[in-house]
Amino acid sequence: MVNHDHYTYRVTWSTEDQEFVGLCAEFPGLSYLHENRSTALEGITNLVKDVVADMAANNERIPEPIAERSYSGKFQVRIPPELHRRLVIEAAEENVSLNRYISLKLAS
């Protein structure tokens, strides 16, 4: 079974709710609100633990933690031809490949 501690958790302030909200990237439909940041994190972690156990009991597919997935380092992006041309020009001006230029842009 999946270890619920391996999921990607985040806590942020909700201006609308005036509380901290705990979130889990692999379960975008779940959240946990609390006035205390650490309690919001504990709350979303426990909620995910319960949901994973329920999914396992019902033979449902449990999302794989993002941290445990394999990545090739490649992905395809479709962009308008004008943008493609502009990026090629900018890469040439920087004396780097288009791939390297876009990698640097994404990393910044």
PDB file of N, CA and C in Angstrom:
ATOM      1  N   MET A   1       0.844  -1.192   0.000  1.00  0.00           N
ATOM      2  CA  MET A   1       0.000   0.000   0.000  1.00  0.00           C
ATOM      3  C   MET A   1       0.886   1.251   0.000  1.00  0.00           C
ATOM      4  N   VAL A   2       0.375   2.320  -0.521  1.00  0.00           N
ATOM      5  CA  VAL A   2       1.091   3.589  -0.621  1.00  0.00           C
ATOM      6  C   VAL A   2       1.279   4.190   0.774  1.00  0.00           C
ATOM      7  N   ASN A   3       2.457   4.753   1.010  1.00  0.00           N
ATOM      8  CA  ASN A   3       2.724   5.444   2.267  1.00  0.00           C
ATOM      9  C   ASN A   3       2.207   6.883   2.147  1.00  0.00           C
ATOM     10  N   HIS A   4       1.206   7.220   2.940  1.00  0.00           N
ATOM     11  CA  HIS A   4       0.586   8.553   2.843  1.00  0.00           C
ATOM     12  C   HIS A   4       1.552   9.687   3.169  1.00  0.00           C
ATOM     13  N   ASP A   5       2.638   9.394   3.870  1.00  0.00           N
ATOM     14  CA  ASP A   5       3.624  10.424   4.195  1.00  0.00           C
ATOM     15  C   ASP A   5       4.463  10.833   2.983  1.00  0.00           C
ATOM     16  N   HIS A   6       4.394  10.060   1.897  1.00  0.00           N
ATOM     17  CA  HIS A   6       5.190  10.357   0.706  1.00  0.00           C
ATOM     18  C   HIS A   6       4.488  11.307  -0.258  1.00  0.00           C
ATOM     19  N   TYR A   7       3.254  11.685   0.045  1.00  0.00           N
ATOM     20  CA  TYR A   7       2.535  12.604  -0.825  1.00  0.00           C
ATOM     21  C   TYR A   7       3.073  14.029  -0.671  1.00  0.00           C
ATOM     22  N   THR A   8       2.678  14.901  -1.570  1.00  0.00           N
ATOM     23  CA  THR A   8       3.168  16.279  -1.605  1.00  0.00           C
ATOM     24  C   THR A   8       2.166  17.184  -0.891  1.00  0.00           C
ATOM     25  N   TYR A   9       2.544  17.624   0.296  1.00  0.00           N
ATOM     26  CA  TYR A   9       1.666  18.458   1.112  1.00  0.00           C
ATOM     27  C   TYR A   9       2.146  19.904   1.101  1.00  0.00           C
ATOM     28  N   ARG A  10       1.181  20.797   1.306  1.00  0.00           N
ATOM     29  CA  ARG A  10       1.492  22.223   1.363  1.00  0.00           C
ATOM     30  C   ARG A  10       0.448  22.882   2.256  1.00  0.00           C
ATOM     31  N   VAL A  11       0.889  23.892   2.987  1.00  0.00           N
ATOM     32  CA  VAL A  11      -0.024  24.680   3.820  1.00  0.00           C
ATOM     33  C   VAL A  11       0.108  26.135   3.396  1.00  0.00           C
ATOM     34  N   THR A  12      -1.021  26.767   3.177  1.00  0.00           N
ATOM     35  CA  THR A  12      -1.030  28.167   2.771  1.00  0.00           C
ATOM     36  C   THR A  12      -2.145  28.895   3.520  1.00  0.00           C
ATOM     37  N   TRP A  13      -2.069  30.201   3.557  1.00  0.00           N
ATOM     38  CA  TRP A  13      -3.090  31.002   4.221  1.00  0.00           C
ATOM     39  C   TRP A  13      -4.259  31.233   3.273  1.00  0.00           C
ATOM     40  N   SER A  14      -5.474  31.039   3.768  1.00  0.00           N
ATOM     41  CA  SER A  14      -6.679  31.322   2.995  1.00  0.00           C
ATOM     42  C   SER A  14      -7.279  32.630   3.497  1.00  0.00           C
ATOM     43  N   THR A  15      -7.169  33.665   2.689  1.00  0.00           N
ATOM     44  CA  THR A  15      -7.746  34.962   3.050  1.00  0.00           C
ATOM     45  C   THR A  15      -9.259  34.846   3.169  1.00  0.00           C
ATOM     46  N   GLU A  16      -9.844  34.081   2.263  1.00  0.00           N
ATOM     47  CA  GLU A  16     -11.301  33.905   2.258  1.00  0.00           C
ATOM     48  C   GLU A  16     -11.802  33.272   3.551  1.00  0.00           C
ATOM     49  N   ASP A  17     -11.084  32.234   4.020  1.00  0.00           N
ATOM     50  CA  ASP A  17     -11.517  31.509   5.219  1.00  0.00           C
ATOM     51  C   ASP A  17     -10.883  32.045   6.498  1.00  0.00           C
ATOM     52  N   GLN A  18      -9.851  32.894   6.353  1.00  0.00           N
ATOM     53  CA  GLN A  18      -9.117  33.422   7.502  1.00  0.00           C
ATOM     54  C   GLN A  18      -8.530  32.300   8.364  1.00  0.00           C
ATOM     55  N   GLU A  19      -8.068  31.253   7.676  1.00  0.00           N
ATOM     56  CA  GLU A  19      -7.417  30.122   8.333  1.00  0.00           C
ATOM     57  C   GLU A  19      -6.360  29.566   7.388  1.00  0.00           C
ATOM     58  N   PHE A  20      -5.499  28.714   7.938  1.00  0.00           N
ATOM     59  CA  PHE A  20      -4.549  27.999   7.102  1.00  0.00           C
ATOM     60  C   PHE A  20      -5.274  26.843   6.439  1.00  0.00           C
ATOM     61  N   VAL A  21      -4.892  26.554   5.201  1.00  0.00           N
ATOM     62  CA  VAL A  21      -5.494  25.431   4.487  1.00  0.00           C
ATOM     63  C   VAL A  21      -4.385  24.451   4.119  1.00  0.00           C
ATOM     64  N   GLY A  22      -4.582  23.198   4.529  1.00  0.00           N
ATOM     65  CA  GLY A  22      -3.664  22.127   4.172  1.00  0.00           C
ATOM     66  C   GLY A  22      -4.132  21.492   2.880  1.00  0.00           C
ATOM     67  N   LEU A  23      -3.202  21.279   1.953  1.00  0.00           N
ATOM     68  CA  LEU A  23      -3.519  20.732   0.635  1.00  0.00           C
ATOM     69  C   LEU A  23      -2.588  19.573   0.305  1.00  0.00           C
ATOM     70  N   CYS A  24      -3.041  18.717  -0.598  1.00  0.00           N
ATOM     71  CA  CYS A  24      -2.227  17.604  -1.078  1.00  0.00           C
ATOM     72  C   CYS A  24      -2.311  17.599  -2.598  1.00  0.00           C
ATOM     73  N   ALA A  25      -1.167  17.725  -3.274  1.00  0.00           N
ATOM     74  CA  ALA A  25      -1.140  17.838  -4.739  1.00  0.00           C
ATOM     75  C   ALA A  25      -1.760  16.628  -5.422  1.00  0.00           C
ATOM     76  N   GLU A  26      -1.572  15.446  -4.872  1.00  0.00           N
ATOM     77  CA  GLU A  26      -2.091  14.232  -5.492  1.00  0.00           C
ATOM     78  C   GLU A  26      -3.592  14.056  -5.284  1.00  0.00           C
ATOM     79  N   PHE A  27      -4.159  14.788  -4.351  1.00  0.00           N
ATOM     80  CA  PHE A  27      -5.600  14.753  -4.071  1.00  0.00           C
ATOM     81  C   PHE A  27      -6.134  16.187  -4.097  1.00  0.00           C
ATOM     82  N   PRO A  28      -6.258  16.788  -5.286  1.00  0.00           N
ATOM     83  CA  PRO A  28      -6.638  18.200  -5.375  1.00  0.00           C
ATOM     84  C   PRO A  28      -8.030  18.519  -4.835  1.00  0.00           C
ATOM     85  N   GLY A  29      -8.867  17.527  -4.645  1.00  0.00           N
ATOM     86  CA  GLY A  29     -10.204  17.765  -4.122  1.00  0.00           C
ATOM     87  C   GLY A  29     -10.268  17.808  -2.605  1.00  0.00           C
ATOM     88  N   LEU A  30      -9.154  17.535  -1.945  1.00  0.00           N
ATOM     89  CA  LEU A  30      -9.132  17.513  -0.484  1.00  0.00           C
ATOM     90  C   LEU A  30      -8.453  18.759   0.072  1.00  0.00           C
ATOM     91  N   SER A  31      -8.951  19.220   1.211  1.00  0.00           N
ATOM     92  CA  SER A  31      -8.303  20.316   1.930  1.00  0.00           C
ATOM     93  C   SER A  31      -8.688  20.212   3.396  1.00  0.00           C
ATOM     94  N   TYR A  32      -7.909  20.882   4.242  1.00  0.00           N
ATOM     95  CA  TYR A  32      -8.187  20.873   5.669  1.00  0.00           C
ATOM     96  C   TYR A  32      -7.884  22.264   6.215  1.00  0.00           C
ATOM     97  N   LEU A  33      -8.872  22.888   6.805  1.00  0.00           N
ATOM     98  CA  LEU A  33      -8.732  24.240   7.348  1.00  0.00           C
ATOM     99  C   LEU A  33      -8.504  24.209   8.855  1.00  0.00           C
ATOM    100  N   HIS A  34      -7.613  25.087   9.320  1.00  0.00           N
ATOM    101  CA  HIS A  34      -7.419  25.255  10.760  1.00  0.00           C
ATOM    102  C   HIS A  34      -6.709  26.582  11.007  1.00  0.00           C
ATOM    103  N   GLU A  35      -6.943  27.157  12.183  1.00  0.00           N
ATOM    104  CA  GLU A  35      -6.309  28.433  12.522  1.00  0.00           C
ATOM    105  C   GLU A  35      -4.811  28.290  12.768  1.00  0.00           C
ATOM    106  N   ASN A  36      -4.364  27.055  13.022  1.00  0.00           N
ATOM    107  CA  ASN A  36      -2.956  26.778  13.304  1.00  0.00           C
ATOM    108  C   ASN A  36      -2.318  26.070  12.108  1.00  0.00           C
ATOM    109  N   ARG A  37      -1.167  26.554  11.645  1.00  0.00           N
ATOM    110  CA  ARG A  37      -0.488  26.001  10.473  1.00  0.00           C
ATOM    111  C   ARG A  37      -0.151  24.519  10.651  1.00  0.00           C
ATOM    112  N   SER A  38       0.454  24.157  11.764  1.00  0.00           N
ATOM    113  CA  SER A  38       0.863  22.760  11.953  1.00  0.00           C
ATOM    114  C   SER A  38      -0.345  21.836  12.084  1.00  0.00           C
ATOM    115  N   THR A  39      -1.427  22.318  12.648  1.00  0.00           N
ATOM    116  CA  THR A  39      -2.642  21.512  12.748  1.00  0.00           C
ATOM    117  C   THR A  39      -3.281  21.325  11.377  1.00  0.00           C
ATOM    118  N   ALA A  40      -3.185  22.336  10.520  1.00  0.00           N
ATOM    119  CA  ALA A  40      -3.700  22.201   9.146  1.00  0.00           C
ATOM    120  C   ALA A  40      -2.915  21.131   8.394  1.00  0.00           C
ATOM    121  N   LEU A  41      -1.595  21.094   8.587  1.00  0.00           N
ATOM    122  CA  LEU A  41      -0.767  20.068   7.944  1.00  0.00           C
ATOM    123  C   LEU A  41      -1.099  18.686   8.492  1.00  0.00           C
ATOM    124  N   GLU A  42      -1.208  18.591   9.794  1.00  0.00           N
ATOM    125  CA  GLU A  42      -1.567  17.309  10.416  1.00  0.00           C
ATOM    126  C   GLU A  42      -2.957  16.862   9.949  1.00  0.00           C
ATOM    127  N   GLY A  43      -3.876  17.803   9.834  1.00  0.00           N
ATOM    128  CA  GLY A  43      -5.237  17.484   9.414  1.00  0.00           C
ATOM    129  C   GLY A  43      -5.307  16.945   8.000  1.00  0.00           C
ATOM    130  N   ILE A  44      -4.612  17.593   7.051  1.00  0.00           N
ATOM    131  CA  ILE A  44      -4.651  17.106   5.667  1.00  0.00           C
ATOM    132  C   ILE A  44      -3.922  15.772   5.557  1.00  0.00           C
ATOM    133  N   THR A  45      -2.849  15.589   6.326  1.00  0.00           N
ATOM    134  CA  THR A  45      -2.122  14.317   6.307  1.00  0.00           C
ATOM    135  C   THR A  45      -3.017  13.187   6.793  1.00  0.00           C
ATOM    136  N   ASN A  46      -3.729  13.406   7.879  1.00  0.00           N
ATOM    137  CA  ASN A  46      -4.637  12.378   8.404  1.00  0.00           C
ATOM    138  C   ASN A  46      -5.813  12.131   7.465  1.00  0.00           C
ATOM    139  N   LEU A  47      -6.320  13.184   6.843  1.00  0.00           N
ATOM    140  CA  LEU A  47      -7.418  13.041   5.894  1.00  0.00           C
ATOM    141  C   LEU A  47      -6.982  12.190   4.705  1.00  0.00           C
ATOM    142  N   VAL A  48      -5.797  12.461   4.172  1.00  0.00           N
ATOM    143  CA  VAL A  48      -5.276  11.666   3.057  1.00  0.00           C
ATOM    144  C   VAL A  48      -5.076  10.217   3.491  1.00  0.00           C
ATOM    145  N   LYS A  49      -4.558  10.014   4.692  1.00  0.00           N
ATOM    146  CA  LYS A  49      -4.367   8.651   5.215  1.00  0.00           C
ATOM    147  C   LYS A  49      -5.695   7.900   5.220  1.00  0.00           C
ATOM    148  N   ASP A  50      -6.752   8.547   5.695  1.00  0.00           N
ATOM    149  CA  ASP A  50      -8.078   7.920   5.739  1.00  0.00           C
ATOM    150  C   ASP A  50      -8.624   7.650   4.339  1.00  0.00           C
ATOM    151  N   VAL A  51      -8.439   8.591   3.427  1.00  0.00           N
ATOM    152  CA  VAL A  51      -8.929   8.422   2.054  1.00  0.00           C
ATOM    153  C   VAL A  51      -8.190   7.279   1.365  1.00  0.00           C
ATOM    154  N   VAL A  52      -6.879   7.201   1.548  1.00  0.00           N
ATOM    155  CA  VAL A  52      -6.087   6.115   0.949  1.00  0.00           C
ATOM    156  C   VAL A  52      -6.548   4.768   1.496  1.00  0.00           C
ATOM    157  N   ALA A  53      -6.781   4.682   2.803  1.00  0.00           N
ATOM    158  CA  ALA A  53      -7.261   3.433   3.404  1.00  0.00           C
ATOM    159  C   ALA A  53      -8.625   3.051   2.842  1.00  0.00           C
ATOM    160  N   ASP A  54      -9.508   4.029   2.689  1.00  0.00           N
ATOM    161  CA  ASP A  54     -10.838   3.783   2.131  1.00  0.00           C
ATOM    162  C   ASP A  54     -10.741   3.331   0.672  1.00  0.00           C
ATOM    163  N   MET A  55      -9.882   3.966  -0.087  1.00  0.00           N
ATOM    164  CA  MET A  55      -9.705   3.583  -1.491  1.00  0.00           C
ATOM    165  C   MET A  55      -9.162   2.158  -1.595  1.00  0.00           C
ATOM    166  N   ALA A  56      -8.225   1.821  -0.731  1.00  0.00           N
ATOM    167  CA  ALA A  56      -7.658   0.469  -0.736  1.00  0.00           C
ATOM    168  C   ALA A  56      -8.731  -0.554  -0.380  1.00  0.00           C
ATOM    169  N   ALA A  57      -9.556  -0.240   0.613  1.00  0.00           N
ATOM    170  CA  ALA A  57     -10.624  -1.152   1.033  1.00  0.00           C
ATOM    171  C   ALA A  57     -11.646  -1.378  -0.072  1.00  0.00           C
ATOM    172  N   ASN A  58     -11.806  -0.390  -0.946  1.00  0.00           N
ATOM    173  CA  ASN A  58     -12.773  -0.487  -2.041  1.00  0.00           C
ATOM    174  C   ASN A  58     -12.126  -0.831  -3.384  1.00  0.00           C
ATOM    175  N   ASN A  59     -10.868  -1.277  -3.322  1.00  0.00           N
ATOM    176  CA  ASN A  59     -10.120  -1.658  -4.530  1.00  0.00           C
ATOM    177  C   ASN A  59     -10.091  -0.560  -5.587  1.00  0.00           C
ATOM    178  N   GLU A  60     -10.003   0.686  -5.136  1.00  0.00           N
ATOM    179  CA  GLU A  60      -9.893   1.818  -6.059  1.00  0.00           C
ATOM    180  C   GLU A  60      -8.415   2.097  -6.339  1.00  0.00           C
ATOM    181  N   ARG A  61      -8.154   2.714  -7.484  1.00  0.00           N
ATOM    182  CA  ARG A  61      -6.776   3.059  -7.836  1.00  0.00           C
ATOM    183  C   ARG A  61      -6.305   4.216  -6.952  1.00  0.00           C
ATOM    184  N   ILE A  62      -5.198   4.003  -6.271  1.00  0.00           N
ATOM    185  CA  ILE A  62      -4.634   5.005  -5.366  1.00  0.00           C
ATOM    186  C   ILE A  62      -3.546   5.775  -6.116  1.00  0.00           C
ATOM    187  N   PRO A  63      -3.607   7.102  -6.109  1.00  0.00           N
ATOM    188  CA  PRO A  63      -2.591   7.884  -6.820  1.00  0.00           C
ATOM    189  C   PRO A  63      -1.180   7.608  -6.291  1.00  0.00           C
ATOM    190  N   GLU A  64      -0.239   7.509  -7.214  1.00  0.00           N
ATOM    191  CA  GLU A  64       1.160   7.334  -6.839  1.00  0.00           C
ATOM    192  C   GLU A  64       1.705   8.691  -6.388  1.00  0.00           C
ATOM    193  N   PRO A  65       2.464   8.724  -5.291  1.00  0.00           N
ATOM    194  CA  PRO A  65       3.049   9.996  -4.860  1.00  0.00           C
ATOM    195  C   PRO A  65       3.939  10.595  -5.951  1.00  0.00           C
ATOM    196  N   ILE A  66       3.868  11.885  -6.131  1.00  0.00           N
ATOM    197  CA  ILE A  66       4.679  12.570  -7.135  1.00  0.00           C
ATOM    198  C   ILE A  66       6.157  12.265  -6.923  1.00  0.00           C
ATOM    199  N   ALA A  67       6.593  12.231  -5.674  1.00  0.00           N
ATOM    200  CA  ALA A  67       8.005  11.998  -5.360  1.00  0.00           C
ATOM    201  C   ALA A  67       8.483  10.616  -5.797  1.00  0.00           C
ATOM    202  N   GLU A  68       7.580   9.667  -5.962  1.00  0.00           N
ATOM    203  CA  GLU A  68       7.966   8.303  -6.320  1.00  0.00           C
ATOM    204  C   GLU A  68       7.813   8.015  -7.811  1.00  0.00           C
ATOM    205  N   ARG A  69       7.345   8.983  -8.583  1.00  0.00           N
ATOM    206  CA  ARG A  69       7.174   8.798 -10.021  1.00  0.00           C
ATOM    207  C   ARG A  69       8.511   8.996 -10.736  1.00  0.00           C
ATOM    208  N   SER A  70       8.648   8.340 -11.872  1.00  0.00           N
ATOM    209  CA  SER A  70       9.848   8.506 -12.694  1.00  0.00           C
ATOM    210  C   SER A  70       9.591   9.587 -13.736  1.00  0.00           C
ATOM    211  N   TYR A  71      10.616  10.381 -13.996  1.00  0.00           N
ATOM    212  CA  TYR A  71      10.503  11.453 -14.976  1.00  0.00           C
ATOM    213  C   TYR A  71      11.630  11.333 -15.989  1.00  0.00           C
ATOM    214  N   SER A  72      11.300  11.477 -17.258  1.00  0.00           N
ATOM    215  CA  SER A  72      12.289  11.347 -18.328  1.00  0.00           C
ATOM    216  C   SER A  72      13.089  12.631 -18.534  1.00  0.00           C
ATOM    217  N   GLY A  73      12.564  13.744 -18.073  1.00  0.00           N
ATOM    218  CA  GLY A  73      13.207  15.022 -18.338  1.00  0.00           C
ATOM    219  C   GLY A  73      12.762  15.629 -19.660  1.00  0.00           C
ATOM    220  N   LYS A  74      11.783  15.000 -20.292  1.00  0.00           N
ATOM    221  CA  LYS A  74      11.274  15.495 -21.574  1.00  0.00           C
ATOM    222  C   LYS A  74       9.766  15.714 -21.474  1.00  0.00           C
ATOM    223  N   PHE A  75       9.294  16.766 -22.121  1.00  0.00           N
ATOM    224  CA  PHE A  75       7.864  16.952 -22.323  1.00  0.00           C
ATOM    225  C   PHE A  75       7.685  17.844 -23.540  1.00  0.00           C
ATOM    226  N   GLN A  76       6.560  17.712 -24.179  1.00  0.00           N
ATOM    227  CA  GLN A  76       6.287  18.461 -25.397  1.00  0.00           C
ATOM    228  C   GLN A  76       5.318  19.597 -25.105  1.00  0.00           C
ATOM    229  N   VAL A  77       5.603  20.735 -25.683  1.00  0.00           N
ATOM    230  CA  VAL A  77       4.740  21.898 -25.513  1.00  0.00           C
ATOM    231  C   VAL A  77       4.407  22.448 -26.896  1.00  0.00           C
ATOM    232  N   ARG A  78       3.139  22.682 -27.135  1.00  0.00           N
ATOM    233  CA  ARG A  78       2.724  23.280 -28.404  1.00  0.00           C
ATOM    234  C   ARG A  78       2.570  24.787 -28.189  1.00  0.00           C
ATOM    235  N   ILE A  79       3.243  25.542 -29.048  1.00  0.00           N
ATOM    236  CA  ILE A  79       3.195  26.998 -28.954  1.00  0.00           C
ATOM    237  C   ILE A  79       2.936  27.580 -30.341  1.00  0.00           C
ATOM    238  N   PRO A  80       2.456  28.812 -30.398  1.00  0.00           N
ATOM    239  CA  PRO A  80       2.235  29.447 -31.702  1.00  0.00           C
ATOM    240  C   PRO A  80       3.569  29.617 -32.449  1.00  0.00           C
ATOM    241  N   PRO A  81       3.546  29.528 -33.773  1.00  0.00           N
ATOM    242  CA  PRO A  81       4.773  29.679 -34.566  1.00  0.00           C
ATOM    243  C   PRO A  81       5.527  30.986 -34.292  1.00  0.00           C
ATOM    244  N   GLU A  82       4.802  32.061 -34.047  1.00  0.00           N
ATOM    245  CA  GLU A  82       5.446  33.347 -33.778  1.00  0.00           C
ATOM    246  C   GLU A  82       6.281  33.289 -32.496  1.00  0.00           C
ATOM    247  N   LEU A  83       5.744  32.639 -31.472  1.00  0.00           N
ATOM    248  CA  LEU A  83       6.479  32.490 -30.220  1.00  0.00           C
ATOM    249  C   LEU A  83       7.695  31.592 -30.426  1.00  0.00           C
ATOM    250  N   HIS A  84       7.519  30.519 -31.181  1.00  0.00           N
ATOM    251  CA  HIS A  84       8.624  29.606 -31.490  1.00  0.00           C
ATOM    252  C   HIS A  84       9.766  30.393 -32.149  1.00  0.00           C
ATOM    253  N   ARG A  85       9.438  31.190 -33.136  1.00  0.00           N
ATOM    254  CA  ARG A  85      10.433  32.004 -33.850  1.00  0.00           C
ATOM    255  C   ARG A  85      11.138  32.963 -32.885  1.00  0.00           C
ATOM    256  N   ARG A  86      10.348  33.642 -32.053  1.00  0.00           N
ATOM    257  CA  ARG A  86      10.931  34.599 -31.106  1.00  0.00           C
ATOM    258  C   ARG A  86      11.897  33.916 -30.142  1.00  0.00           C
ATOM    259  N   LEU A  87      11.515  32.727 -29.658  1.00  0.00           N
ATOM    260  CA  LEU A  87      12.382  31.996 -28.735  1.00  0.00           C
ATOM    261  C   LEU A  87      13.669  31.539 -29.414  1.00  0.00           C
ATOM    262  N   VAL A  88      13.571  31.116 -30.669  1.00  0.00           N
ATOM    263  CA  VAL A  88      14.769  30.718 -31.422  1.00  0.00           C
ATOM    264  C   VAL A  88      15.719  31.910 -31.554  1.00  0.00           C
ATOM    265  N   ILE A  89      15.177  33.081 -31.858  1.00  0.00           N
ATOM    266  CA  ILE A  89      15.998  34.288 -31.986  1.00  0.00           C
ATOM    267  C   ILE A  89      16.663  34.627 -30.654  1.00  0.00           C
ATOM    268  N   GLU A  90      15.889  34.596 -29.570  1.00  0.00           N
ATOM    269  CA  GLU A  90      16.440  34.906 -28.249  1.00  0.00           C
ATOM    270  C   GLU A  90      17.526  33.911 -27.865  1.00  0.00           C
ATOM    271  N   ALA A  91      17.315  32.629 -28.157  1.00  0.00           N
ATOM    272  CA  ALA A  91      18.325  31.606 -27.856  1.00  0.00           C
ATOM    273  C   ALA A  91      19.597  31.865 -28.655  1.00  0.00           C
ATOM    274  N   ALA A  92      19.432  32.206 -29.934  1.00  0.00           N
ATOM    275  CA  ALA A  92      20.596  32.496 -30.779  1.00  0.00           C
ATOM    276  C   ALA A  92      21.364  33.703 -30.243  1.00  0.00           C
ATOM    277  N   GLU A  93      20.648  34.708 -29.799  1.00  0.00           N
ATOM    278  CA  GLU A  93      21.297  35.902 -29.242  1.00  0.00           C
ATOM    279  C   GLU A  93      22.064  35.587 -27.961  1.00  0.00           C
ATOM    280  N   GLU A  94      21.612  34.574 -27.242  1.00  0.00           N
ATOM    281  CA  GLU A  94      22.291  34.147 -26.011  1.00  0.00           C
ATOM    282  C   GLU A  94      23.358  33.086 -26.293  1.00  0.00           C
ATOM    283  N   ASN A  95      23.456  32.670 -27.566  1.00  0.00           N
ATOM    284  CA  ASN A  95      24.424  31.666 -28.003  1.00  0.00           C
ATOM    285  C   ASN A  95      24.238  30.318 -27.285  1.00  0.00           C
ATOM    286  N   VAL A  96      22.968  29.927 -27.123  1.00  0.00           N
ATOM    287  CA  VAL A  96      22.639  28.619 -26.538  1.00  0.00           C
ATOM    288  C   VAL A  96      21.585  27.950 -27.412  1.00  0.00           C
ATOM    289  N   SER A  97      21.425  26.653 -27.227  1.00  0.00           N
ATOM    290  CA  SER A  97      20.393  25.940 -27.982  1.00  0.00           C
ATOM    291  C   SER A  97      19.011  26.376 -27.507  1.00  0.00           C
ATOM    292  N   LEU A  98      18.032  26.148 -28.347  1.00  0.00           N
ATOM    293  CA  LEU A  98      16.652  26.467 -27.966  1.00  0.00           C
ATOM    294  C   LEU A  98      16.260  25.684 -26.721  1.00  0.00           C
ATOM    295  N   ASN A  99      16.622  24.409 -26.684  1.00  0.00           N
ATOM    296  CA  ASN A  99      16.297  23.567 -25.535  1.00  0.00           C
ATOM    297  C   ASN A  99      16.901  24.145 -24.250  1.00  0.00           C
ATOM    298  N   ARG A 100      18.171  24.522 -24.307  1.00  0.00           N
ATOM    299  CA  ARG A 100      18.849  25.074 -23.138  1.00  0.00           C
ATOM    300  C   ARG A 100      18.210  26.407 -22.732  1.00  0.00           C
ATOM    301  N   TYR A 101      17.894  27.229 -23.708  1.00  0.00           N
ATOM    302  CA  TYR A 101      17.296  28.530 -23.433  1.00  0.00           C
ATOM    303  C   TYR A 101      15.952  28.378 -22.719  1.00  0.00           C
ATOM    304  N   ILE A 102      15.122  27.483 -23.226  1.00  0.00           N
ATOM    305  CA  ILE A 102      13.805  27.271 -22.610  1.00  0.00           C
ATOM    306  C   ILE A 102      13.957  26.662 -21.220  1.00  0.00           C
ATOM    307  N   SER A 103      14.912  25.750 -21.044  1.00  0.00           N
ATOM    308  CA  SER A 103      15.169  25.179 -19.716  1.00  0.00           C
ATOM    309  C   SER A 103      15.529  26.278 -18.723  1.00  0.00           C
ATOM    310  N   LEU A 104      16.384  27.193 -19.155  1.00  0.00           N
ATOM    311  CA  LEU A 104      16.780  28.302 -18.283  1.00  0.00           C
ATOM    312  C   LEU A 104      15.597  29.213 -17.970  1.00  0.00           C
ATOM    313  N   LYS A 105      14.760  29.476 -18.967  1.00  0.00           N
ATOM    314  CA  LYS A 105      13.571  30.313 -18.756  1.00  0.00           C
ATOM    315  C   LYS A 105      12.609  29.658 -17.760  1.00  0.00           C
ATOM    316  N   LEU A 106      12.415  28.350 -17.909  1.00  0.00           N
ATOM    317  CA  LEU A 106      11.500  27.646 -17.006  1.00  0.00           C
ATOM    318  C   LEU A 106      12.045  27.591 -15.582  1.00  0.00           C
ATOM    319  N   ALA A 107      13.357  27.490 -15.454  1.00  0.00           N
ATOM    320  CA  ALA A 107      13.975  27.387 -14.132  1.00  0.00           C
ATOM    321  C   ALA A 107      13.984  28.715 -13.383  1.00  0.00           C
ATOM    322  N   SER A 108      13.877  29.822 -14.109  1.00  0.00           N
ATOM    323  CA  SER A 108      13.955  31.127 -13.430  1.00  0.00           C
ATOM    324  C   SER A 108      12.610  31.579 -12.915  1.00  0.00           C
TER     325      SER A 108
END
